[in-house]
Amino acid sequence: MKNQLSRKTSNQNDDYVTRSQAEMQRRFVDLQFKRSELEKQLKIVNEVLFSLGKEMEQHFSYHQLYK
């Protein structure tokens, strides 16, 4: 009886460890996906800012020439 109880507890611990590892893996994959999406968004923001900066420079140069 004691051996069965010990085996049952061991199985429960193994199940807990397996579920815990699976959950950590799921979270890891989810965070990698979110990071990838944020990097894509950041790239777009950087491109827009660069474009806006160039446009502002052209606008400033235009006004300096025709003042």
N, C-alpha and C. Protein backbone atom coordinates (compact mmCIF):
# COMPACT_ATOMS: atom_id res chain seq x y z
N MET A 1 0.83 -1.20 0.00
CA MET A 1 0.00 0.00 0.00
C MET A 1 0.87 1.26 0.00
N LYS A 2 1.91 1.21 0.82
CA LYS A 2 2.80 2.37 0.89
C LYS A 2 3.50 2.60 -0.45
N ASN A 3 3.86 1.51 -1.10
CA ASN A 3 4.52 1.59 -2.40
C ASN A 3 3.58 2.17 -3.45
N GLN A 4 2.29 1.79 -3.42
CA GLN A 4 1.31 2.33 -4.36
C GLN A 4 1.11 3.82 -4.15
N LEU A 5 1.06 4.23 -2.89
CA LEU A 5 0.89 5.64 -2.56
C LEU A 5 2.10 6.43 -3.04
N SER A 6 3.28 5.87 -2.83
CA SER A 6 4.50 6.53 -3.27
C SER A 6 4.52 6.66 -4.79
N ARG A 7 4.10 5.62 -5.51
CA ARG A 7 4.05 5.65 -6.97
C ARG A 7 3.02 6.67 -7.45
N LYS A 8 1.89 6.72 -6.77
CA LYS A 8 0.83 7.67 -7.16
C LYS A 8 1.33 9.10 -6.97
N THR A 9 1.99 9.37 -5.87
CA THR A 9 2.54 10.70 -5.61
C THR A 9 3.61 11.05 -6.63
N SER A 10 4.44 10.07 -6.97
CA SER A 10 5.48 10.28 -7.96
C SER A 10 4.87 10.58 -9.33
N ASN A 11 3.82 9.86 -9.70
CA ASN A 11 3.13 10.11 -10.97
C ASN A 11 2.50 11.50 -11.00
N GLN A 12 1.93 11.90 -9.86
CA GLN A 12 1.33 13.22 -9.78
C GLN A 12 2.40 14.31 -9.92
N ASN A 13 3.55 14.08 -9.30
CA ASN A 13 4.64 15.04 -9.41
C ASN A 13 5.15 15.11 -10.86
N ASP A 14 5.27 13.94 -11.49
CA ASP A 14 5.70 13.90 -12.89
C ASP A 14 4.70 14.63 -13.78
N ASP A 15 3.42 14.42 -13.54
CA ASP A 15 2.38 15.11 -14.31
C ASP A 15 2.48 16.62 -14.12
N TYR A 16 2.70 17.03 -12.88
CA TYR A 16 2.82 18.46 -12.58
C TYR A 16 4.02 19.05 -13.32
N VAL A 17 5.14 18.35 -13.27
CA VAL A 17 6.36 18.84 -13.94
C VAL A 17 6.13 18.92 -15.44
N THR A 18 5.51 17.90 -16.00
CA THR A 18 5.23 17.88 -17.44
C THR A 18 4.31 19.02 -17.84
N ARG A 19 3.24 19.22 -17.08
CA ARG A 19 2.31 20.33 -17.37
C ARG A 19 3.00 21.68 -17.21
N SER A 20 3.82 21.80 -16.18
CA SER A 20 4.53 23.05 -15.93
C SER A 20 5.49 23.35 -17.08
N GLN A 21 6.23 22.35 -17.54
CA GLN A 21 7.15 22.55 -18.65
C GLN A 21 6.40 22.90 -19.94
N ALA A 22 5.28 22.25 -20.17
CA ALA A 22 4.47 22.54 -21.36
C ALA A 22 3.95 23.97 -21.31
N GLU A 23 3.54 24.42 -20.14
CA GLU A 23 3.04 25.79 -19.99
C GLU A 23 4.17 26.80 -20.22
N MET A 24 5.35 26.53 -19.67
CA MET A 24 6.49 27.43 -19.89
C MET A 24 6.84 27.49 -21.37
N GLN A 25 6.80 26.36 -22.06
CA GLN A 25 7.08 26.31 -23.50
C GLN A 25 6.04 27.11 -24.27
N ARG A 26 4.77 26.97 -23.90
CA ARG A 26 3.70 27.71 -24.56
C ARG A 26 3.89 29.22 -24.37
N ARG A 27 4.23 29.62 -23.15
CA ARG A 27 4.46 31.04 -22.88
C ARG A 27 5.66 31.57 -23.67
N PHE A 28 6.71 30.76 -23.74
CA PHE A 28 7.91 31.14 -24.47
C PHE A 28 7.59 31.39 -25.94
N VAL A 29 6.87 30.47 -26.55
CA VAL A 29 6.50 30.59 -27.96
C VAL A 29 5.60 31.81 -28.16
N ASP A 30 4.66 32.01 -27.24
CA ASP A 30 3.76 33.16 -27.32
C ASP A 30 4.54 34.47 -27.24
N LEU A 31 5.51 34.54 -26.33
CA LEU A 31 6.31 35.76 -26.20
C LEU A 31 7.20 35.99 -27.41
N GLN A 32 7.72 34.92 -27.99
CA GLN A 32 8.51 35.06 -29.21
C GLN A 32 7.66 35.63 -30.34
N PHE A 33 6.43 35.15 -30.46
CA PHE A 33 5.52 35.65 -31.49
C PHE A 33 5.22 37.14 -31.26
N LYS A 34 4.93 37.49 -30.01
CA LYS A 34 4.63 38.89 -29.69
C LYS A 34 5.83 39.78 -29.99
N ARG A 35 7.03 39.30 -29.65
CA ARG A 35 8.24 40.07 -29.92
C ARG A 35 8.40 40.30 -31.43
N SER A 36 8.16 39.26 -32.19
CA SER A 36 8.27 39.36 -33.64
C SER A 36 7.29 40.39 -34.19
N GLU A 37 6.06 40.37 -33.70
CA GLU A 37 5.06 41.34 -34.14
C GLU A 37 5.46 42.76 -33.75
N LEU A 38 5.98 42.94 -32.54
CA LEU A 38 6.41 44.26 -32.10
C LEU A 38 7.59 44.77 -32.92
N GLU A 39 8.51 43.86 -33.28
CA GLU A 39 9.64 44.25 -34.11
C GLU A 39 9.17 44.71 -35.49
N LYS A 40 8.17 44.03 -36.04
CA LYS A 40 7.61 44.45 -37.33
C LYS A 40 6.99 45.84 -37.22
N GLN A 41 6.22 46.05 -36.15
CA GLN A 41 5.59 47.36 -35.95
C GLN A 41 6.64 48.44 -35.76
N LEU A 42 7.68 48.14 -35.00
CA LEU A 42 8.75 49.11 -34.77
C LEU A 42 9.46 49.47 -36.07
N LYS A 43 9.68 48.49 -36.92
CA LYS A 43 10.30 48.74 -38.21
C LYS A 43 9.45 49.71 -39.02
N ILE A 44 8.14 49.50 -39.03
CA ILE A 44 7.23 50.38 -39.76
C ILE A 44 7.28 51.79 -39.18
N VAL A 45 7.27 51.90 -37.86
CA VAL A 45 7.32 53.22 -37.21
C VAL A 45 8.62 53.92 -37.57
N ASN A 46 9.73 53.19 -37.54
CA ASN A 46 11.02 53.79 -37.90
C ASN A 46 11.02 54.28 -39.34
N GLU A 47 10.44 53.51 -40.24
CA GLU A 47 10.38 53.92 -41.65
C GLU A 47 9.54 55.18 -41.80
N VAL A 48 8.42 55.24 -41.10
CA VAL A 48 7.56 56.42 -41.18
C VAL A 48 8.27 57.64 -40.59
N LEU A 49 8.95 57.46 -39.47
CA LEU A 49 9.68 58.57 -38.86
C LEU A 49 10.80 59.07 -39.78
N PHE A 50 11.52 58.15 -40.41
CA PHE A 50 12.58 58.53 -41.33
C PHE A 50 12.00 59.33 -42.50
N SER A 51 10.90 58.84 -43.04
CA SER A 51 10.24 59.52 -44.15
C SER A 51 9.76 60.90 -43.73
N LEU A 52 9.17 60.99 -42.56
CA LEU A 52 8.69 62.28 -42.06
C LEU A 52 9.85 63.24 -41.85
N GLY A 53 10.96 62.72 -41.33
CA GLY A 53 12.14 63.57 -41.13
C GLY A 53 12.65 64.13 -42.44
N LYS A 54 12.70 63.30 -43.48
CA LYS A 54 13.13 63.77 -44.80
C LYS A 54 12.17 64.83 -45.34
N GLU A 55 10.88 64.59 -45.15
CA GLU A 55 9.88 65.55 -45.62
C GLU A 55 10.02 66.88 -44.89
N MET A 56 10.28 66.83 -43.60
CA MET A 56 10.46 68.05 -42.82
C MET A 56 11.70 68.81 -43.29
N GLU A 57 12.78 68.09 -43.58
CA GLU A 57 14.00 68.73 -44.08
C GLU A 57 13.73 69.43 -45.41
N GLN A 58 13.02 68.75 -46.30
CA GLN A 58 12.70 69.35 -47.60
C GLN A 58 11.84 70.59 -47.43
N HIS A 59 10.88 70.50 -46.54
CA HIS A 59 9.99 71.63 -46.28
C HIS A 59 10.79 72.81 -45.73
N PHE A 60 11.69 72.53 -44.80
CA PHE A 60 12.52 73.58 -44.20
C PHE A 60 13.42 74.20 -45.27
N SER A 61 14.05 73.35 -46.10
CA SER A 61 14.93 73.85 -47.17
C SER A 61 14.14 74.71 -48.15
N TYR A 62 12.96 74.29 -48.50
CA TYR A 62 12.12 75.04 -49.43
C TYR A 62 11.82 76.43 -48.88
N HIS A 63 11.47 76.49 -47.60
CA HIS A 63 11.14 77.78 -46.99
C HIS A 63 12.37 78.68 -46.86
N GLN A 64 13.54 78.07 -46.67
CA GLN A 64 14.77 78.87 -46.56
C GLN A 64 15.10 79.48 -47.93
N LEU A 65 14.85 78.74 -49.01
CA LEU A 65 15.16 79.24 -50.34
C LEU A 65 14.23 80.36 -50.78
N TYR A 66 12.98 80.28 -50.41
CA TYR A 66 11.99 81.24 -50.91
C TYR A 66 11.55 82.26 -49.86
N LYS A 67 12.37 82.50 -48.88
CA LYS A 67 12.05 83.50 -47.88
C LYS A 67 12.52 84.85 -48.28
